[in-house]
Structure formats: structure tokens, C-alpha cells
N, C-alpha and C. Protein backbone atom coordinates (compact mmCIF):
# COMPACT_ATOMS: atom_id res chain seq x y z
N MET A 1 -16.09 3.36 2.77
CA MET A 1 -17.14 3.44 1.78
C MET A 1 -18.38 2.74 2.31
N GLY A 2 -18.29 1.44 2.57
CA GLY A 2 -19.41 0.74 3.18
C GLY A 2 -20.43 0.23 2.20
N SER A 3 -21.63 0.02 2.70
CA SER A 3 -22.65 -0.66 1.91
C SER A 3 -23.56 0.28 1.13
N SER A 4 -23.45 1.58 1.34
CA SER A 4 -24.35 2.49 0.64
C SER A 4 -23.76 2.88 -0.72
N GLY A 5 -24.49 2.58 -1.76
CA GLY A 5 -24.03 2.92 -3.11
C GLY A 5 -23.00 1.96 -3.64
N GLN A 6 -22.81 2.02 -4.94
CA GLN A 6 -21.84 1.15 -5.58
C GLN A 6 -20.46 1.77 -5.53
N PHE A 7 -19.47 0.90 -5.36
CA PHE A 7 -18.09 1.37 -5.34
C PHE A 7 -17.17 0.25 -5.79
N ALA A 8 -15.99 0.64 -6.22
CA ALA A 8 -14.95 -0.31 -6.60
C ALA A 8 -13.89 -0.33 -5.51
N VAL A 9 -13.14 -1.40 -5.47
CA VAL A 9 -12.02 -1.52 -4.55
C VAL A 9 -10.76 -1.72 -5.37
N VAL A 10 -9.70 -1.00 -5.01
CA VAL A 10 -8.38 -1.17 -5.62
C VAL A 10 -7.46 -1.76 -4.56
N ILE A 11 -6.81 -2.88 -4.92
CA ILE A 11 -5.86 -3.52 -4.01
C ILE A 11 -4.52 -3.62 -4.74
N ASP A 12 -3.55 -2.85 -4.27
CA ASP A 12 -2.21 -2.86 -4.86
C ASP A 12 -1.22 -2.52 -3.76
N ASP A 13 -0.18 -3.33 -3.61
CA ASP A 13 0.79 -3.08 -2.55
C ASP A 13 1.63 -1.83 -2.79
N ASP A 14 1.64 -1.33 -4.00
CA ASP A 14 2.33 -0.08 -4.32
C ASP A 14 1.35 1.07 -4.10
N GLU A 15 1.54 1.81 -3.00
CA GLU A 15 0.59 2.87 -2.64
C GLU A 15 0.41 3.90 -3.75
N SER A 16 1.48 4.22 -4.47
CA SER A 16 1.36 5.24 -5.52
C SER A 16 0.49 4.72 -6.67
N VAL A 17 0.58 3.44 -6.98
CA VAL A 17 -0.28 2.86 -8.02
C VAL A 17 -1.73 2.84 -7.54
N ALA A 18 -1.95 2.42 -6.30
CA ALA A 18 -3.31 2.40 -5.75
C ALA A 18 -3.94 3.79 -5.79
N ARG A 19 -3.15 4.81 -5.40
CA ARG A 19 -3.66 6.19 -5.43
C ARG A 19 -3.96 6.64 -6.85
N ALA A 20 -3.07 6.32 -7.79
CA ALA A 20 -3.26 6.75 -9.18
C ALA A 20 -4.52 6.12 -9.77
N ILE A 21 -4.73 4.84 -9.54
CA ILE A 21 -5.93 4.17 -10.06
C ILE A 21 -7.17 4.75 -9.39
N SER A 22 -7.10 4.99 -8.10
CA SER A 22 -8.23 5.58 -7.39
C SER A 22 -8.58 6.96 -7.94
N ARG A 23 -7.56 7.78 -8.18
CA ARG A 23 -7.81 9.12 -8.75
C ARG A 23 -8.44 9.02 -10.13
N LEU A 24 -7.93 8.09 -10.93
CA LEU A 24 -8.47 7.89 -12.28
C LEU A 24 -9.96 7.53 -12.21
N LEU A 25 -10.30 6.58 -11.36
CA LEU A 25 -11.69 6.15 -11.25
C LEU A 25 -12.58 7.24 -10.67
N ARG A 26 -12.08 7.93 -9.67
CA ARG A 26 -12.87 9.02 -9.08
C ARG A 26 -13.13 10.12 -10.11
N ALA A 27 -12.12 10.42 -10.93
CA ALA A 27 -12.29 11.43 -11.98
C ALA A 27 -13.35 10.99 -12.99
N ALA A 28 -13.56 9.68 -13.12
CA ALA A 28 -14.58 9.15 -14.02
C ALA A 28 -15.92 9.00 -13.30
N GLY A 29 -16.00 9.48 -12.06
CA GLY A 29 -17.25 9.44 -11.32
C GLY A 29 -17.53 8.12 -10.61
N ILE A 30 -16.49 7.33 -10.37
CA ILE A 30 -16.64 6.03 -9.72
C ILE A 30 -16.09 6.12 -8.30
N ALA A 31 -16.90 5.76 -7.33
CA ALA A 31 -16.45 5.76 -5.93
C ALA A 31 -15.48 4.60 -5.72
N VAL A 32 -14.46 4.84 -4.89
CA VAL A 32 -13.38 3.85 -4.73
C VAL A 32 -12.90 3.78 -3.29
N ASP A 33 -12.61 2.56 -2.84
CA ASP A 33 -11.86 2.31 -1.61
C ASP A 33 -10.54 1.70 -2.04
N THR A 34 -9.47 1.96 -1.28
CA THR A 34 -8.17 1.39 -1.63
C THR A 34 -7.61 0.59 -0.46
N PHE A 35 -6.86 -0.45 -0.82
CA PHE A 35 -6.16 -1.29 0.15
C PHE A 35 -4.78 -1.57 -0.42
N THR A 36 -3.78 -1.63 0.44
CA THR A 36 -2.43 -1.96 -0.01
C THR A 36 -2.04 -3.38 0.37
N SER A 37 -3.03 -4.16 0.80
CA SER A 37 -2.79 -5.54 1.19
C SER A 37 -4.05 -6.36 0.94
N GLY A 38 -3.88 -7.52 0.33
CA GLY A 38 -5.00 -8.42 0.15
C GLY A 38 -5.53 -8.94 1.47
N THR A 39 -4.63 -9.11 2.43
CA THR A 39 -5.02 -9.59 3.75
C THR A 39 -5.95 -8.61 4.44
N VAL A 40 -5.61 -7.33 4.40
CA VAL A 40 -6.45 -6.31 5.04
C VAL A 40 -7.82 -6.25 4.36
N PHE A 41 -7.84 -6.33 3.02
CA PHE A 41 -9.11 -6.33 2.31
C PHE A 41 -9.95 -7.55 2.70
N LEU A 42 -9.35 -8.72 2.72
CA LEU A 42 -10.10 -9.93 3.09
C LEU A 42 -10.64 -9.83 4.51
N ASP A 43 -9.85 -9.30 5.44
CA ASP A 43 -10.33 -9.10 6.81
C ASP A 43 -11.57 -8.20 6.81
N GLN A 44 -11.52 -7.13 6.03
CA GLN A 44 -12.64 -6.18 5.96
C GLN A 44 -13.89 -6.85 5.40
N ILE A 45 -13.74 -7.51 4.28
CA ILE A 45 -14.92 -8.05 3.59
C ILE A 45 -15.51 -9.26 4.35
N LEU A 46 -14.67 -10.03 5.01
CA LEU A 46 -15.16 -11.19 5.75
C LEU A 46 -15.74 -10.82 7.11
N SER A 47 -15.28 -9.73 7.69
CA SER A 47 -15.79 -9.33 9.01
C SER A 47 -17.01 -8.42 8.92
N GLN A 48 -17.25 -7.85 7.74
CA GLN A 48 -18.40 -6.95 7.58
C GLN A 48 -19.23 -7.40 6.38
N PRO A 49 -20.19 -8.27 6.59
CA PRO A 49 -20.97 -8.81 5.46
C PRO A 49 -21.65 -7.75 4.59
N ALA A 50 -21.93 -6.58 5.12
CA ALA A 50 -22.57 -5.53 4.32
C ALA A 50 -21.58 -4.82 3.39
N TYR A 51 -20.30 -5.04 3.62
CA TYR A 51 -19.27 -4.39 2.79
C TYR A 51 -19.10 -5.20 1.52
N ARG A 52 -19.69 -4.72 0.41
CA ARG A 52 -19.64 -5.44 -0.85
C ARG A 52 -19.38 -4.50 -2.01
N PRO A 53 -18.13 -4.46 -2.47
CA PRO A 53 -17.84 -3.63 -3.64
C PRO A 53 -18.49 -4.22 -4.89
N ALA A 54 -18.75 -3.37 -5.86
CA ALA A 54 -19.30 -3.82 -7.14
C ALA A 54 -18.23 -4.47 -7.99
N CYS A 55 -16.96 -4.14 -7.68
CA CYS A 55 -15.85 -4.61 -8.50
C CYS A 55 -14.56 -4.53 -7.67
N VAL A 56 -13.66 -5.50 -7.91
CA VAL A 56 -12.36 -5.51 -7.23
C VAL A 56 -11.27 -5.43 -8.30
N ILE A 57 -10.41 -4.43 -8.17
CA ILE A 57 -9.26 -4.28 -9.06
C ILE A 57 -8.05 -4.72 -8.26
N LEU A 58 -7.40 -5.76 -8.72
CA LEU A 58 -6.46 -6.49 -7.89
C LEU A 58 -5.11 -6.68 -8.58
N ASP A 59 -4.04 -6.30 -7.89
CA ASP A 59 -2.69 -6.53 -8.39
C ASP A 59 -2.39 -8.02 -8.28
N VAL A 60 -1.67 -8.56 -9.26
CA VAL A 60 -1.32 -9.98 -9.22
C VAL A 60 -0.21 -10.23 -8.21
N SER A 61 0.87 -9.45 -8.30
CA SER A 61 2.05 -9.70 -7.47
C SER A 61 2.06 -8.79 -6.25
N MET A 62 1.79 -9.40 -5.10
CA MET A 62 1.85 -8.69 -3.83
C MET A 62 2.51 -9.60 -2.80
N PRO A 63 3.21 -9.01 -1.83
CA PRO A 63 3.83 -9.85 -0.80
C PRO A 63 2.79 -10.47 0.12
N HIS A 64 3.15 -11.54 0.74
CA HIS A 64 2.34 -12.26 1.72
C HIS A 64 1.17 -13.02 1.09
N LEU A 65 0.33 -12.32 0.36
CA LEU A 65 -0.85 -12.93 -0.24
C LEU A 65 -1.00 -12.34 -1.64
N ASP A 66 -0.73 -13.14 -2.67
CA ASP A 66 -0.80 -12.58 -4.02
C ASP A 66 -2.26 -12.48 -4.49
N GLY A 67 -2.43 -11.78 -5.60
CA GLY A 67 -3.78 -11.53 -6.11
C GLY A 67 -4.55 -12.79 -6.46
N LEU A 68 -3.86 -13.79 -6.97
CA LEU A 68 -4.54 -15.04 -7.32
C LEU A 68 -5.09 -15.74 -6.08
N GLU A 69 -4.37 -15.66 -4.97
CA GLU A 69 -4.86 -16.25 -3.72
C GLU A 69 -6.03 -15.45 -3.17
N VAL A 70 -5.96 -14.13 -3.29
CA VAL A 70 -7.10 -13.30 -2.86
C VAL A 70 -8.33 -13.69 -3.69
N GLN A 71 -8.16 -13.83 -4.99
CA GLN A 71 -9.26 -14.24 -5.86
C GLN A 71 -9.83 -15.59 -5.41
N ARG A 72 -8.97 -16.53 -5.11
CA ARG A 72 -9.42 -17.85 -4.67
C ARG A 72 -10.25 -17.75 -3.40
N ARG A 73 -9.78 -16.94 -2.46
CA ARG A 73 -10.49 -16.80 -1.18
C ARG A 73 -11.81 -16.05 -1.31
N LEU A 74 -11.95 -15.27 -2.36
CA LEU A 74 -13.20 -14.54 -2.61
C LEU A 74 -14.18 -15.37 -3.43
N GLY A 75 -13.78 -16.57 -3.81
CA GLY A 75 -14.54 -17.40 -4.74
C GLY A 75 -16.03 -17.50 -4.50
N GLY A 76 -16.45 -17.65 -3.29
CA GLY A 76 -17.87 -17.82 -3.01
C GLY A 76 -18.68 -16.54 -3.01
N LEU A 77 -18.02 -15.40 -3.15
CA LEU A 77 -18.73 -14.12 -3.06
C LEU A 77 -19.18 -13.56 -4.39
N SER A 78 -18.77 -14.16 -5.48
CA SER A 78 -19.17 -13.72 -6.82
C SER A 78 -18.89 -12.25 -7.09
N LEU A 79 -17.71 -11.80 -6.71
CA LEU A 79 -17.32 -10.41 -6.98
C LEU A 79 -16.56 -10.34 -8.30
N PRO A 80 -16.95 -9.42 -9.19
CA PRO A 80 -16.19 -9.24 -10.43
C PRO A 80 -14.77 -8.75 -10.11
N ILE A 81 -13.78 -9.40 -10.70
CA ILE A 81 -12.38 -9.05 -10.44
C ILE A 81 -11.68 -8.69 -11.74
N ILE A 82 -10.95 -7.58 -11.68
CA ILE A 82 -10.10 -7.14 -12.78
C ILE A 82 -8.67 -7.15 -12.25
N PHE A 83 -7.82 -7.91 -12.88
CA PHE A 83 -6.42 -7.97 -12.47
C PHE A 83 -5.60 -6.93 -13.21
N ILE A 84 -4.63 -6.38 -12.49
CA ILE A 84 -3.63 -5.51 -13.10
C ILE A 84 -2.26 -6.05 -12.70
N THR A 85 -1.31 -5.97 -13.59
CA THR A 85 0.01 -6.50 -13.28
C THR A 85 1.09 -5.84 -14.11
N ALA A 86 2.27 -5.77 -13.53
CA ALA A 86 3.43 -5.27 -14.27
C ALA A 86 4.11 -6.40 -15.02
N HIS A 87 3.82 -7.62 -14.65
CA HIS A 87 4.46 -8.80 -15.24
C HIS A 87 3.40 -9.70 -15.85
N ASP A 88 3.29 -9.67 -17.15
CA ASP A 88 2.27 -10.48 -17.81
C ASP A 88 2.78 -11.91 -17.96
N VAL A 89 2.51 -12.71 -16.96
CA VAL A 89 2.89 -14.11 -16.96
C VAL A 89 1.70 -14.91 -17.48
N PRO A 90 1.84 -15.56 -18.65
CA PRO A 90 0.70 -16.27 -19.24
C PRO A 90 0.03 -17.25 -18.29
N GLU A 91 0.79 -17.94 -17.47
CA GLU A 91 0.20 -18.90 -16.53
C GLU A 91 -0.72 -18.19 -15.52
N ALA A 92 -0.27 -17.05 -14.99
CA ALA A 92 -1.09 -16.29 -14.04
C ALA A 92 -2.33 -15.74 -14.74
N ARG A 93 -2.15 -15.25 -15.96
CA ARG A 93 -3.28 -14.72 -16.73
C ARG A 93 -4.33 -15.81 -16.96
N ASN A 94 -3.88 -16.97 -17.39
CA ASN A 94 -4.81 -18.07 -17.65
C ASN A 94 -5.52 -18.51 -16.38
N LYS A 95 -4.79 -18.59 -15.28
CA LYS A 95 -5.37 -18.99 -14.00
C LYS A 95 -6.43 -17.99 -13.54
N ALA A 96 -6.10 -16.69 -13.65
CA ALA A 96 -7.03 -15.64 -13.23
C ALA A 96 -8.31 -15.66 -14.06
N LEU A 97 -8.15 -15.74 -15.37
CA LEU A 97 -9.32 -15.71 -16.25
C LEU A 97 -10.15 -16.99 -16.13
N SER A 98 -9.49 -18.13 -15.98
CA SER A 98 -10.25 -19.38 -15.85
C SER A 98 -10.99 -19.45 -14.52
N ALA A 99 -10.52 -18.69 -13.53
CA ALA A 99 -11.21 -18.64 -12.24
C ALA A 99 -12.30 -17.57 -12.22
N GLY A 100 -12.52 -16.90 -13.35
CA GLY A 100 -13.64 -15.97 -13.46
C GLY A 100 -13.32 -14.49 -13.52
N ALA A 101 -12.05 -14.11 -13.55
CA ALA A 101 -11.74 -12.68 -13.66
C ALA A 101 -12.34 -12.12 -14.94
N ILE A 102 -12.83 -10.89 -14.86
CA ILE A 102 -13.45 -10.28 -16.05
C ILE A 102 -12.47 -9.47 -16.88
N GLY A 103 -11.25 -9.29 -16.34
CA GLY A 103 -10.23 -8.56 -17.07
C GLY A 103 -8.86 -8.83 -16.50
N TYR A 104 -7.86 -8.65 -17.36
CA TYR A 104 -6.47 -8.86 -16.96
C TYR A 104 -5.65 -7.85 -17.75
N LEU A 105 -5.23 -6.78 -17.09
CA LEU A 105 -4.56 -5.68 -17.77
C LEU A 105 -3.11 -5.57 -17.33
N ARG A 106 -2.24 -5.31 -18.28
CA ARG A 106 -0.82 -5.15 -17.98
C ARG A 106 -0.49 -3.68 -17.79
N LYS A 107 0.25 -3.36 -16.71
CA LYS A 107 0.71 -2.00 -16.44
C LYS A 107 1.82 -1.66 -17.42
N PRO A 108 1.88 -0.48 -17.99
CA PRO A 108 0.82 0.53 -17.92
C PRO A 108 -0.35 0.10 -18.79
N PHE A 109 -1.53 0.21 -18.26
CA PHE A 109 -2.72 -0.25 -18.96
C PHE A 109 -3.46 0.91 -19.61
N ASN A 110 -4.36 0.57 -20.50
CA ASN A 110 -5.20 1.55 -21.16
C ASN A 110 -6.25 2.02 -20.14
N THR A 111 -6.16 3.27 -19.73
CA THR A 111 -7.04 3.77 -18.68
C THR A 111 -8.51 3.72 -19.09
N GLN A 112 -8.79 4.00 -20.35
CA GLN A 112 -10.17 3.96 -20.81
C GLN A 112 -10.73 2.54 -20.73
N GLN A 113 -9.89 1.55 -21.03
CA GLN A 113 -10.33 0.15 -20.95
C GLN A 113 -10.69 -0.21 -19.51
N LEU A 114 -9.88 0.22 -18.55
CA LEU A 114 -10.18 -0.05 -17.14
C LEU A 114 -11.49 0.61 -16.74
N ILE A 115 -11.66 1.87 -17.08
CA ILE A 115 -12.90 2.59 -16.74
C ILE A 115 -14.11 1.89 -17.35
N GLU A 116 -14.00 1.47 -18.61
CA GLU A 116 -15.12 0.78 -19.26
C GLU A 116 -15.43 -0.55 -18.59
N LEU A 117 -14.41 -1.30 -18.19
CA LEU A 117 -14.65 -2.57 -17.49
C LEU A 117 -15.39 -2.33 -16.18
N VAL A 118 -14.94 -1.35 -15.41
CA VAL A 118 -15.57 -1.05 -14.12
C VAL A 118 -16.99 -0.55 -14.32
N ARG A 119 -17.17 0.37 -15.26
CA ARG A 119 -18.54 0.88 -15.52
C ARG A 119 -19.46 -0.24 -15.99
N GLY A 120 -18.93 -1.15 -16.82
CA GLY A 120 -19.74 -2.27 -17.29
C GLY A 120 -20.26 -3.12 -16.16
N VAL A 121 -19.44 -3.35 -15.16
CA VAL A 121 -19.86 -4.13 -14.00
C VAL A 121 -20.90 -3.36 -13.20
N MET A 122 -20.69 -2.07 -13.05
CA MET A 122 -21.59 -1.27 -12.22
C MET A 122 -22.95 -1.03 -12.86
N THR A 123 -23.02 -1.15 -14.17
CA THR A 123 -24.30 -0.94 -14.83
C THR A 123 -25.00 -2.24 -15.16
N ALA A 124 -24.33 -3.35 -14.91
CA ALA A 124 -24.92 -4.67 -15.23
C ALA A 124 -26.00 -5.04 -14.25
């Protein structure tokens, strides 16, 4: 995707979930890049300063580097983050929101709510 135009990023270790969310957003007219690893996304964003998504949609539970750690490492970049998770753990929810996440949705989530959150960020 790169630096031209606004786009969202979906990071989920489950490729089928990442694809489904990407299709949903694309159908709503939102450009999307997908990653199945927080590590790969961090490598991309830290090595290419021009690569700046308007919004990051991030799974909480991922191997190697969980979503909360990805959020922590992105702290200085002021990127809006929306968490998605299959396991609504109140401690993780509180940690994510107190660290600045703009949303925390439990799978299966309300698709319209996700689209509205992403559009809200892109029009702000």
C-alpha cells in the first residue's frame, strides 16, 4: 500500500480472519494491508518511515508478539488502534484502552461498528 492515500492495516495471526476483515473493509471502500504477524508489521513500519496507516486493527492474542506488545512498541507513533479478540479478558481490555486504543471488539464483532470506527479515524 505505502504512503499514498489513506489505508488501514489488519494484523491477525489467523490468515482467514485477516482476509475476512480485509474483504469487509475493502467492500466498504477502505484500502487495506494485511499482516499475519506483529513482528513483520513492526519491521515494515519501523524500516519505512513513509509507511503510515491511518488505523491499525490488531488481534490481541498472537504468538511471539501479542497485540498489547505491538501497541506498546507503536506508542510513539500515535496510530489509532482497534483491537479485536476472541477472548474478552477484562485485564487486556483495560490495558489496551488505557494505553489509547480507540476500540476493543470481541469476535464475532459487529461489522458495522468496525467499519464506523475505521471511517471515523480516516475522516478525522
